Amino acid sequence: MYAVPVASGDQFFVDLFAAPIRGRRNALCATVEQLPFRESAFECIVCVGEVLSYCDPAAALCEFARVISPGGHLIFDFGSTHSIRHWRSEMFGRAADILSDQYNGSCEKVWRYSPKYIRELLKTNSFDVRQTFGIHTWSALAKRLGASEARALMAQSWLELIKFPAVLADILTIVAVKETSGR
């Protein structure tokens, strides 16, 4: 996670592990479910790399709402159960589900969430969704058809110029703004 404080132009880098942030100024190890910052400390938080796949999204989004100032931006991504990769499977469209996935040659258990569920959590925490982007559409289809991770990524690079509905993407990125009036 990367965050920009309200009072200064400094940036903070937060990770669960020390190695990814080693050598960065204003770096600290913490979980996004319990951030060691005061309320309304940040103008913007960028949380990418599918961090929500490894934690409780309700707790994380509540914590982001606590530390982002009114009018501040939240940019984050998550794995979607609405992906074409899960089409015609039990997982498709579920609010939340866990799956075993390959990452850098090893198998990991990761959570996937429906866009509707994530939007409800955002609304509950006084965020207004401004934009949604999808990535890994063609690779999701290739994986659904049984392609290996390498072949799926190859298909994505070849077909990227042909637009596929973002709603069926494997990874969704949301840009949201914290409402300026409390609920």
N, C-alpha and C. Protein backbone atom coordinates (compact mmCIF):
# COMPACT_ATOMS: atom_id res chain seq x y z
N MET A 1 0.84 -1.16 0.00
CA MET A 1 0.00 0.00 0.00
C MET A 1 0.89 1.23 0.00
N TYR A 2 0.42 2.25 -0.68
CA TYR A 2 1.14 3.50 -0.76
C TYR A 2 0.15 4.59 -0.39
N ALA A 3 0.56 5.55 0.43
CA ALA A 3 -0.36 6.59 0.88
C ALA A 3 0.32 7.95 0.90
N VAL A 4 -0.47 8.99 0.60
CA VAL A 4 0.03 10.37 0.60
C VAL A 4 -0.68 11.12 1.72
N PRO A 5 0.08 11.63 2.72
CA PRO A 5 -0.53 12.34 3.84
C PRO A 5 -1.14 13.67 3.44
N VAL A 6 -2.09 14.14 4.25
CA VAL A 6 -2.78 15.40 4.00
C VAL A 6 -1.82 16.58 4.13
N ALA A 7 -1.01 16.62 5.16
CA ALA A 7 -0.21 17.80 5.49
C ALA A 7 1.09 17.94 4.70
N SER A 8 1.57 16.90 4.09
CA SER A 8 2.86 17.01 3.40
C SER A 8 2.83 16.24 2.10
N GLY A 9 3.85 16.41 1.30
CA GLY A 9 3.96 15.68 0.05
C GLY A 9 4.66 14.34 0.20
N ASP A 10 4.97 13.97 1.45
CA ASP A 10 5.63 12.69 1.68
C ASP A 10 4.72 11.53 1.28
N GLN A 11 5.35 10.41 1.02
CA GLN A 11 4.63 9.19 0.71
C GLN A 11 4.99 8.15 1.76
N PHE A 12 4.04 7.32 2.10
CA PHE A 12 4.28 6.21 3.01
C PHE A 12 4.08 4.92 2.25
N PHE A 13 4.92 3.95 2.53
CA PHE A 13 4.84 2.63 1.91
C PHE A 13 4.60 1.62 3.02
N VAL A 14 3.54 0.84 2.86
CA VAL A 14 3.16 -0.14 3.88
C VAL A 14 3.11 -1.51 3.22
N ASP A 15 3.70 -2.49 3.87
CA ASP A 15 3.63 -3.86 3.38
C ASP A 15 3.63 -4.78 4.59
N LEU A 16 3.09 -5.95 4.40
CA LEU A 16 3.07 -6.95 5.46
C LEU A 16 4.47 -7.51 5.71
N PHE A 17 5.32 -7.46 4.67
CA PHE A 17 6.67 -7.99 4.75
C PHE A 17 7.69 -6.89 4.51
N ALA A 18 8.84 -6.99 5.13
CA ALA A 18 9.87 -5.96 5.05
C ALA A 18 10.56 -5.90 3.69
N ALA A 19 10.79 -7.04 3.05
CA ALA A 19 11.58 -7.08 1.82
C ALA A 19 11.06 -6.15 0.71
N PRO A 20 9.77 -6.12 0.41
CA PRO A 20 9.31 -5.27 -0.70
C PRO A 20 9.49 -3.77 -0.47
N ILE A 21 9.60 -3.35 0.79
CA ILE A 21 9.71 -1.92 1.07
C ILE A 21 11.08 -1.52 1.63
N ARG A 22 11.98 -2.48 1.71
CA ARG A 22 13.32 -2.21 2.25
C ARG A 22 13.99 -1.08 1.46
N GLY A 23 14.57 -0.14 2.18
CA GLY A 23 15.29 0.96 1.56
C GLY A 23 14.41 2.15 1.18
N ARG A 24 13.13 2.03 1.32
CA ARG A 24 12.23 3.16 1.02
C ARG A 24 12.09 4.05 2.24
N ARG A 25 12.02 5.33 2.01
CA ARG A 25 11.78 6.29 3.07
C ARG A 25 10.31 6.16 3.50
N ASN A 26 10.02 6.32 4.76
CA ASN A 26 8.65 6.23 5.29
C ASN A 26 8.01 4.87 5.00
N ALA A 27 8.76 3.83 5.21
CA ALA A 27 8.26 2.47 4.99
C ALA A 27 8.02 1.79 6.32
N LEU A 28 6.92 1.05 6.41
CA LEU A 28 6.68 0.30 7.63
C LEU A 28 5.87 -0.95 7.35
N CYS A 29 6.09 -1.93 8.20
CA CYS A 29 5.36 -3.20 8.10
C CYS A 29 4.08 -3.08 8.92
N ALA A 30 2.97 -3.40 8.28
CA ALA A 30 1.67 -3.38 8.95
C ALA A 30 0.67 -4.11 8.08
N THR A 31 -0.46 -4.43 8.66
CA THR A 31 -1.55 -5.00 7.90
C THR A 31 -2.53 -3.89 7.53
N VAL A 32 -3.17 -4.00 6.37
CA VAL A 32 -4.13 -2.97 5.95
C VAL A 32 -5.40 -3.02 6.80
N GLU A 33 -5.54 -4.06 7.60
CA GLU A 33 -6.71 -4.17 8.48
C GLU A 33 -6.54 -3.40 9.79
N GLN A 34 -5.31 -3.00 10.09
CA GLN A 34 -5.01 -2.21 11.29
C GLN A 34 -3.84 -1.28 10.99
N LEU A 35 -4.12 -0.16 10.37
CA LEU A 35 -3.07 0.77 9.98
C LEU A 35 -2.66 1.65 11.15
N PRO A 36 -1.37 1.88 11.33
CA PRO A 36 -0.88 2.66 12.47
C PRO A 36 -0.85 4.17 12.20
N PHE A 37 -1.97 4.71 11.72
CA PHE A 37 -2.06 6.13 11.39
C PHE A 37 -3.30 6.73 12.04
N ARG A 38 -3.26 8.03 12.23
CA ARG A 38 -4.41 8.73 12.83
C ARG A 38 -5.54 8.86 11.80
N GLU A 39 -6.71 9.22 12.27
CA GLU A 39 -7.86 9.41 11.40
C GLU A 39 -7.59 10.55 10.41
N SER A 40 -8.10 10.40 9.20
CA SER A 40 -8.02 11.42 8.14
C SER A 40 -6.60 11.87 7.84
N ALA A 41 -5.64 10.98 7.98
CA ALA A 41 -4.23 11.32 7.79
C ALA A 41 -3.82 11.44 6.32
N PHE A 42 -4.58 10.83 5.40
CA PHE A 42 -4.14 10.75 4.01
C PHE A 42 -5.13 11.32 3.01
N GLU A 43 -4.58 11.89 1.96
CA GLU A 43 -5.38 12.39 0.82
C GLU A 43 -5.64 11.29 -0.18
N CYS A 44 -4.74 10.33 -0.23
CA CYS A 44 -4.84 9.28 -1.24
C CYS A 44 -4.17 8.01 -0.74
N ILE A 45 -4.84 6.88 -1.04
CA ILE A 45 -4.24 5.57 -0.78
C ILE A 45 -4.33 4.77 -2.07
N VAL A 46 -3.21 4.17 -2.43
CA VAL A 46 -3.14 3.26 -3.58
C VAL A 46 -2.78 1.89 -3.02
N CYS A 47 -3.67 0.94 -3.22
CA CYS A 47 -3.48 -0.41 -2.67
C CYS A 47 -3.69 -1.41 -3.80
N VAL A 48 -2.61 -1.74 -4.48
CA VAL A 48 -2.69 -2.64 -5.63
C VAL A 48 -1.82 -3.88 -5.41
N GLY A 49 -1.97 -4.82 -6.30
CA GLY A 49 -1.26 -6.09 -6.16
C GLY A 49 -2.17 -7.12 -5.52
N GLU A 50 -3.46 -6.88 -5.63
CA GLU A 50 -4.48 -7.79 -5.09
C GLU A 50 -4.32 -8.03 -3.60
N VAL A 51 -3.99 -7.01 -2.86
CA VAL A 51 -3.85 -7.12 -1.41
C VAL A 51 -5.12 -7.68 -0.77
N LEU A 52 -6.28 -7.29 -1.28
CA LEU A 52 -7.54 -7.76 -0.70
C LEU A 52 -7.74 -9.26 -0.86
N SER A 53 -6.95 -9.88 -1.73
CA SER A 53 -7.04 -11.34 -1.90
C SER A 53 -6.52 -12.09 -0.69
N TYR A 54 -5.81 -11.38 0.19
CA TYR A 54 -5.16 -12.02 1.33
C TYR A 54 -5.66 -11.51 2.68
N CYS A 55 -6.73 -10.72 2.68
CA CYS A 55 -7.21 -10.17 3.94
C CYS A 55 -8.73 -10.04 3.94
N ASP A 56 -9.25 -9.50 5.01
CA ASP A 56 -10.68 -9.26 5.15
C ASP A 56 -10.99 -7.91 4.49
N PRO A 57 -11.69 -7.90 3.34
CA PRO A 57 -11.93 -6.63 2.64
C PRO A 57 -12.80 -5.67 3.44
N ALA A 58 -13.73 -6.19 4.25
CA ALA A 58 -14.57 -5.31 5.06
C ALA A 58 -13.71 -4.54 6.06
N ALA A 59 -12.79 -5.23 6.72
CA ALA A 59 -11.91 -4.58 7.69
C ALA A 59 -10.96 -3.61 7.00
N ALA A 60 -10.41 -4.02 5.85
CA ALA A 60 -9.46 -3.16 5.13
C ALA A 60 -10.14 -1.88 4.63
N LEU A 61 -11.32 -2.00 4.03
CA LEU A 61 -12.00 -0.81 3.50
C LEU A 61 -12.47 0.10 4.63
N CYS A 62 -12.86 -0.47 5.76
CA CYS A 62 -13.21 0.33 6.93
C CYS A 62 -11.99 1.10 7.43
N GLU A 63 -10.86 0.44 7.44
CA GLU A 63 -9.62 1.08 7.90
C GLU A 63 -9.18 2.17 6.91
N PHE A 64 -9.31 1.92 5.61
CA PHE A 64 -9.00 2.97 4.62
C PHE A 64 -9.90 4.17 4.85
N ALA A 65 -11.20 3.93 5.10
CA ALA A 65 -12.14 5.03 5.34
C ALA A 65 -11.73 5.84 6.57
N ARG A 66 -11.19 5.17 7.56
CA ARG A 66 -10.75 5.86 8.78
C ARG A 66 -9.58 6.78 8.52
N VAL A 67 -8.62 6.35 7.71
CA VAL A 67 -7.38 7.13 7.55
C VAL A 67 -7.39 8.06 6.33
N ILE A 68 -8.40 7.97 5.47
CA ILE A 68 -8.49 8.88 4.32
C ILE A 68 -9.36 10.07 4.71
N SER A 69 -8.90 11.27 4.37
CA SER A 69 -9.65 12.48 4.68
C SER A 69 -10.86 12.60 3.74
N PRO A 70 -11.90 13.31 4.17
CA PRO A 70 -13.05 13.54 3.27
C PRO A 70 -12.57 14.17 1.96
N GLY A 71 -13.08 13.66 0.87
CA GLY A 71 -12.66 14.12 -0.46
C GLY A 71 -11.42 13.41 -0.96
N GLY A 72 -10.82 12.56 -0.12
CA GLY A 72 -9.61 11.83 -0.50
C GLY A 72 -9.93 10.65 -1.42
N HIS A 73 -8.91 10.19 -2.12
CA HIS A 73 -9.06 9.13 -3.12
C HIS A 73 -8.53 7.78 -2.62
N LEU A 74 -9.21 6.73 -3.03
CA LEU A 74 -8.77 5.36 -2.79
C LEU A 74 -8.72 4.66 -4.13
N ILE A 75 -7.57 4.09 -4.45
CA ILE A 75 -7.39 3.32 -5.68
C ILE A 75 -6.91 1.94 -5.25
N PHE A 76 -7.67 0.90 -5.62
CA PHE A 76 -7.29 -0.45 -5.22
C PHE A 76 -7.79 -1.45 -6.24
N ASP A 77 -7.23 -2.65 -6.18
CA ASP A 77 -7.69 -3.70 -7.08
C ASP A 77 -8.05 -4.95 -6.29
N PHE A 78 -8.79 -5.84 -6.96
CA PHE A 78 -9.20 -7.10 -6.33
C PHE A 78 -9.53 -8.12 -7.41
N GLY A 79 -9.42 -9.38 -7.07
CA GLY A 79 -9.80 -10.46 -7.96
C GLY A 79 -11.31 -10.62 -7.93
N SER A 80 -11.93 -10.77 -9.10
CA SER A 80 -13.38 -10.78 -9.22
C SER A 80 -13.95 -12.18 -9.43
N THR A 81 -15.05 -12.48 -8.71
CA THR A 81 -15.77 -13.72 -8.95
C THR A 81 -16.63 -13.62 -10.20
N HIS A 82 -16.73 -12.43 -10.75
CA HIS A 82 -17.53 -12.21 -11.95
C HIS A 82 -16.67 -12.35 -13.21
N SER A 83 -15.44 -12.75 -13.05
CA SER A 83 -14.51 -12.93 -14.17
C SER A 83 -15.00 -14.03 -15.11
N ILE A 84 -14.72 -13.84 -16.38
CA ILE A 84 -15.06 -14.89 -17.35
C ILE A 84 -14.32 -16.19 -17.02
N ARG A 85 -13.25 -16.08 -16.31
CA ARG A 85 -12.50 -17.26 -15.87
C ARG A 85 -13.36 -18.19 -15.01
N HIS A 86 -14.33 -17.62 -14.30
CA HIS A 86 -15.18 -18.40 -13.40
C HIS A 86 -16.59 -18.65 -13.98
N TRP A 87 -16.81 -18.19 -15.20
CA TRP A 87 -18.11 -18.34 -15.84
C TRP A 87 -18.54 -19.81 -15.87
N ARG A 88 -19.77 -20.05 -15.55
CA ARG A 88 -20.36 -21.40 -15.52
C ARG A 88 -19.69 -22.30 -14.47
N SER A 89 -19.15 -21.68 -13.43
CA SER A 89 -18.64 -22.45 -12.29
C SER A 89 -19.41 -22.01 -11.05
N GLU A 90 -19.29 -22.76 -9.97
CA GLU A 90 -19.98 -22.40 -8.73
C GLU A 90 -19.53 -21.04 -8.19
N MET A 91 -18.30 -20.65 -8.49
CA MET A 91 -17.76 -19.40 -7.97
C MET A 91 -18.35 -18.17 -8.65
N PHE A 92 -18.78 -18.29 -9.90
CA PHE A 92 -19.20 -17.13 -10.69
C PHE A 92 -20.26 -16.30 -9.96
N GLY A 93 -19.92 -15.04 -9.71
CA GLY A 93 -20.85 -14.09 -9.11
C GLY A 93 -21.04 -14.18 -7.61
N ARG A 94 -20.42 -15.13 -6.94
CA ARG A 94 -20.55 -15.22 -5.48
C ARG A 94 -19.99 -13.96 -4.84
N ALA A 95 -20.53 -13.61 -3.69
CA ALA A 95 -20.03 -12.44 -2.96
C ALA A 95 -18.55 -12.60 -2.64
N ALA A 96 -18.16 -13.81 -2.20
CA ALA A 96 -16.76 -14.10 -1.89
C ALA A 96 -16.53 -15.59 -2.04
N ASP A 97 -15.34 -15.94 -2.46
CA ASP A 97 -14.98 -17.34 -2.60
C ASP A 97 -13.45 -17.43 -2.58
N ILE A 98 -12.96 -18.58 -2.24
CA ILE A 98 -11.51 -18.80 -2.19
C ILE A 98 -11.14 -19.80 -3.27
N LEU A 99 -9.98 -19.59 -3.86
CA LEU A 99 -9.51 -20.52 -4.88
C LEU A 99 -8.02 -20.73 -4.76
N SER A 100 -7.55 -21.81 -5.32
CA SER A 100 -6.11 -22.07 -5.41
C SER A 100 -5.65 -21.55 -6.75
N ASP A 101 -4.62 -20.73 -6.75
CA ASP A 101 -4.15 -20.11 -7.98
C ASP A 101 -2.63 -20.19 -8.05
N GLN A 102 -2.12 -20.19 -9.25
CA GLN A 102 -0.67 -20.20 -9.45
C GLN A 102 -0.15 -18.76 -9.42
N TYR A 103 0.92 -18.55 -8.69
CA TYR A 103 1.57 -17.24 -8.64
C TYR A 103 3.06 -17.47 -8.55
N ASN A 104 3.80 -16.99 -9.53
CA ASN A 104 5.25 -17.16 -9.58
C ASN A 104 5.66 -18.61 -9.37
N GLY A 105 4.92 -19.51 -10.00
CA GLY A 105 5.28 -20.92 -9.96
C GLY A 105 4.85 -21.69 -8.74
N SER A 106 4.13 -21.06 -7.83
CA SER A 106 3.65 -21.80 -6.65
C SER A 106 2.14 -21.62 -6.51
N CYS A 107 1.53 -22.55 -5.82
CA CYS A 107 0.09 -22.53 -5.61
C CYS A 107 -0.23 -21.75 -4.34
N GLU A 108 -1.17 -20.80 -4.44
CA GLU A 108 -1.58 -20.00 -3.29
C GLU A 108 -3.10 -20.00 -3.20
N LYS A 109 -3.61 -19.94 -2.00
CA LYS A 109 -5.05 -19.77 -1.80
C LYS A 109 -5.32 -18.27 -1.71
N VAL A 110 -6.24 -17.80 -2.56
CA VAL A 110 -6.57 -16.37 -2.63
C VAL A 110 -8.09 -16.19 -2.65
N TRP A 111 -8.52 -15.06 -2.12
CA TRP A 111 -9.94 -14.72 -2.12
C TRP A 111 -10.30 -13.95 -3.37
N ARG A 112 -11.52 -14.16 -3.84
CA ARG A 112 -12.11 -13.42 -4.95
C ARG A 112 -13.45 -12.87 -4.45
N TYR A 113 -13.83 -11.69 -4.95
CA TYR A 113 -15.03 -11.03 -4.49
C TYR A 113 -15.86 -10.55 -5.68
N SER A 114 -17.17 -10.46 -5.48
CA SER A 114 -18.01 -9.91 -6.55
C SER A 114 -17.90 -8.39 -6.53
N PRO A 115 -17.95 -7.76 -7.69
CA PRO A 115 -17.92 -6.29 -7.73
C PRO A 115 -19.06 -5.68 -6.91
N LYS A 116 -20.23 -6.32 -6.91
CA LYS A 116 -21.37 -5.81 -6.14
C LYS A 116 -21.05 -5.80 -4.65
N TYR A 117 -20.44 -6.87 -4.14
CA TYR A 117 -20.07 -6.96 -2.72
C TYR A 117 -19.08 -5.85 -2.36
N ILE A 118 -18.07 -5.66 -3.19
CA ILE A 118 -17.06 -4.62 -2.92
C ILE A 118 -17.69 -3.23 -2.97
N ARG A 119 -18.57 -2.99 -3.94
CA ARG A 119 -19.26 -1.69 -4.01
C ARG A 119 -20.12 -1.45 -2.77
N GLU A 120 -20.78 -2.49 -2.26
CA GLU A 120 -21.58 -2.35 -1.04
C GLU A 120 -20.69 -1.98 0.14
N LEU A 121 -19.53 -2.62 0.24
CA LEU A 121 -18.59 -2.29 1.32
C LEU A 121 -18.12 -0.83 1.20
N LEU A 122 -17.85 -0.41 -0.02
CA LEU A 122 -17.42 0.98 -0.24
C LEU A 122 -18.52 1.96 0.18
N LYS A 123 -19.74 1.69 -0.23
CA LYS A 123 -20.86 2.55 0.12
C LYS A 123 -21.05 2.61 1.64
N THR A 124 -20.96 1.46 2.31
CA THR A 124 -21.07 1.40 3.76
C THR A 124 -20.02 2.27 4.44
N ASN A 125 -18.85 2.39 3.80
CA ASN A 125 -17.75 3.18 4.37
C ASN A 125 -17.63 4.57 3.77
N SER A 126 -18.72 5.06 3.20
CA SER A 126 -18.83 6.44 2.68
C SER A 126 -17.90 6.74 1.51
N PHE A 127 -17.70 5.75 0.63
CA PHE A 127 -16.94 5.97 -0.60
C PHE A 127 -17.88 6.00 -1.79
N ASP A 128 -17.58 6.86 -2.73
CA ASP A 128 -18.32 6.95 -3.98
C ASP A 128 -17.41 6.44 -5.10
N VAL A 129 -17.83 5.40 -5.80
CA VAL A 129 -17.03 4.84 -6.90
C VAL A 129 -17.09 5.79 -8.09
N ARG A 130 -15.93 6.18 -8.58
CA ARG A 130 -15.85 7.09 -9.73
C ARG A 130 -15.51 6.36 -11.02
N GLN A 131 -14.63 5.35 -10.94
CA GLN A 131 -14.24 4.60 -12.13
C GLN A 131 -13.90 3.17 -11.76
N THR A 132 -14.12 2.28 -12.73
CA THR A 132 -13.73 0.88 -12.58
C THR A 132 -13.03 0.45 -13.86
N PHE A 133 -11.88 -0.17 -13.71
CA PHE A 133 -11.10 -0.66 -14.84
C PHE A 133 -10.90 -2.16 -14.68
N GLY A 134 -10.87 -2.88 -15.78
CA GLY A 134 -10.63 -4.31 -15.72
C GLY A 134 -9.36 -4.69 -16.47
N ILE A 135 -8.61 -5.61 -15.90
CA ILE A 135 -7.44 -6.15 -16.59
C ILE A 135 -7.52 -7.67 -16.57
N HIS A 136 -6.75 -8.27 -17.39
CA HIS A 136 -6.72 -9.73 -17.53
C HIS A 136 -8.10 -10.27 -17.94
N THR A 137 -8.54 -9.81 -19.11
CA THR A 137 -9.80 -10.33 -19.65
C THR A 137 -9.52 -11.52 -20.55
N TRP A 138 -8.66 -11.32 -21.54
CA TRP A 138 -8.35 -12.41 -22.47
C TRP A 138 -7.60 -13.54 -21.76
N SER A 139 -6.71 -13.19 -20.85
CA SER A 139 -5.99 -14.24 -20.12
C SER A 139 -6.96 -15.03 -19.23
N ALA A 140 -7.98 -14.35 -18.69
CA ALA A 140 -8.99 -15.05 -17.89
C ALA A 140 -9.76 -16.05 -18.74
N LEU A 141 -10.11 -15.63 -19.97
CA LEU A 141 -10.81 -16.55 -20.87
C LEU A 141 -9.91 -17.73 -21.23
N ALA A 142 -8.64 -17.45 -21.51
CA ALA A 142 -7.70 -18.52 -21.87
C ALA A 142 -7.56 -19.51 -20.71
N LYS A 143 -7.47 -19.00 -19.47
CA LYS A 143 -7.38 -19.89 -18.31
C LYS A 143 -8.66 -20.71 -18.16
N ARG A 144 -9.81 -20.08 -18.43
CA ARG A 144 -11.09 -20.80 -18.35
C ARG A 144 -11.12 -21.96 -19.35
N LEU A 145 -10.45 -21.76 -20.50
CA LEU A 145 -10.42 -22.79 -21.53
C LEU A 145 -9.30 -23.81 -21.30
N GLY A 146 -8.58 -23.67 -20.17
CA GLY A 146 -7.59 -24.66 -19.79
C GLY A 146 -6.15 -24.32 -20.11
N ALA A 147 -5.88 -23.11 -20.55
CA ALA A 147 -4.50 -22.71 -20.88
C ALA A 147 -3.66 -22.57 -19.61
N SER A 148 -2.36 -22.81 -19.76
CA SER A 148 -1.44 -22.60 -18.65
C SER A 148 -1.32 -21.09 -18.38
N GLU A 149 -0.73 -20.75 -17.24
CA GLU A 149 -0.54 -19.34 -16.89
C GLU A 149 0.27 -18.63 -17.98
N ALA A 150 1.34 -19.26 -18.46
CA ALA A 150 2.20 -18.65 -19.48
C ALA A 150 1.43 -18.42 -20.79
N ARG A 151 0.66 -19.41 -21.22
CA ARG A 151 -0.11 -19.29 -22.46
C ARG A 151 -1.24 -18.26 -22.31
N ALA A 152 -1.84 -18.21 -21.14
CA ALA A 152 -2.89 -17.23 -20.89
C ALA A 152 -2.34 -15.81 -20.98
N LEU A 153 -1.17 -15.58 -20.42
CA LEU A 153 -0.55 -14.25 -20.50
C LEU A 153 -0.15 -13.92 -21.93
N MET A 154 0.27 -14.91 -22.67
CA MET A 154 0.61 -14.69 -24.08
C MET A 154 -0.66 -14.28 -24.86
N ALA A 155 -1.76 -14.96 -24.61
CA ALA A 155 -3.02 -14.62 -25.27
C ALA A 155 -3.43 -13.19 -24.92
N GLN A 156 -3.24 -12.80 -23.67
CA GLN A 156 -3.58 -11.44 -23.25
C GLN A 156 -2.76 -10.43 -24.03
N SER A 157 -1.47 -10.66 -24.17
CA SER A 157 -0.62 -9.69 -24.89
C SER A 157 -0.97 -9.61 -26.37
N TRP A 158 -1.36 -10.73 -26.96
CA TRP A 158 -1.71 -10.72 -28.39
C TRP A 158 -3.05 -10.03 -28.64
N LEU A 159 -4.00 -10.19 -27.72
CA LEU A 159 -5.36 -9.74 -27.97
C LEU A 159 -5.75 -8.46 -27.23
N GLU A 160 -4.82 -7.83 -26.54
CA GLU A 160 -5.13 -6.66 -25.72
C GLU A 160 -5.82 -5.54 -26.47
N LEU A 161 -5.53 -5.37 -27.73
CA LEU A 161 -6.12 -4.27 -28.49
C LEU A 161 -7.60 -4.50 -28.80
N ILE A 162 -8.05 -5.75 -28.72
CA ILE A 162 -9.46 -6.05 -28.93
C ILE A 162 -10.13 -5.96 -27.56
N LYS A 163 -10.98 -4.98 -27.41
CA LYS A 163 -11.60 -4.73 -26.10
C LYS A 163 -12.60 -5.82 -25.74
N PHE A 164 -12.51 -6.22 -24.51
CA PHE A 164 -13.36 -7.25 -23.92
C PHE A 164 -14.08 -6.55 -22.77
N PRO A 165 -15.33 -6.84 -22.47
CA PRO A 165 -16.03 -6.13 -21.38
C PRO A 165 -15.26 -6.19 -20.06
N ALA A 166 -14.97 -5.03 -19.51
CA ALA A 166 -14.21 -4.95 -18.26
C ALA A 166 -14.91 -5.66 -17.11
N VAL A 167 -16.23 -5.72 -17.15
CA VAL A 167 -16.97 -6.35 -16.06
C VAL A 167 -16.62 -7.83 -15.93
N LEU A 168 -16.10 -8.44 -17.00
CA LEU A 168 -15.73 -9.85 -16.97
C LEU A 168 -14.24 -10.07 -16.74
N ALA A 169 -13.53 -9.00 -16.39
CA ALA A 169 -12.09 -9.08 -16.16
C ALA A 169 -11.78 -9.88 -14.89
N ASP A 170 -10.60 -10.45 -14.84
CA ASP A 170 -10.16 -11.20 -13.67
C ASP A 170 -9.80 -10.28 -12.51
N ILE A 171 -9.20 -9.14 -12.82
CA ILE A 171 -8.80 -8.16 -11.81
C ILE A 171 -9.50 -6.84 -12.11
N LEU A 172 -10.17 -6.29 -11.11
CA LEU A 172 -10.82 -4.99 -11.25
C LEU A 172 -10.09 -3.97 -10.40
N THR A 173 -9.91 -2.77 -10.96
CA THR A 173 -9.33 -1.65 -10.22
C THR A 173 -10.42 -0.61 -10.06
N ILE A 174 -10.61 -0.16 -8.84
CA ILE A 174 -11.63 0.84 -8.54
C ILE A 174 -10.98 2.11 -8.06
N VAL A 175 -11.50 3.24 -8.55
CA VAL A 175 -11.12 4.56 -8.07
C VAL A 175 -12.35 5.10 -7.34
N ALA A 176 -12.19 5.38 -6.04
CA ALA A 176 -13.31 5.87 -5.23
C ALA A 176 -12.88 7.12 -4.46
N VAL A 177 -13.86 7.92 -4.11
CA VAL A 177 -13.61 9.14 -3.35
C VAL A 177 -14.43 9.06 -2.06
N LYS A 178 -13.78 9.41 -0.94
CA LYS A 178 -14.49 9.43 0.33
C LYS A 178 -15.41 10.64 0.36
N GLU A 179 -16.67 10.38 0.70
CA GLU A 179 -17.65 11.46 0.74
C GLU A 179 -17.24 12.53 1.74
N THR A 180 -17.57 13.76 1.43
CA THR A 180 -17.16 14.88 2.31
C THR A 180 -18.09 15.07 3.49
N SER A 181 -19.34 14.59 3.40
CA SER A 181 -20.24 14.69 4.54
C SER A 181 -20.39 13.33 5.18
N GLY A 182 -20.37 13.27 6.50
CA GLY A 182 -20.49 12.00 7.21
C GLY A 182 -21.89 11.43 7.09
N ARG A 183 -22.00 10.12 7.30
CA ARG A 183 -23.31 9.46 7.25
C ARG A 183 -23.82 9.24 8.63
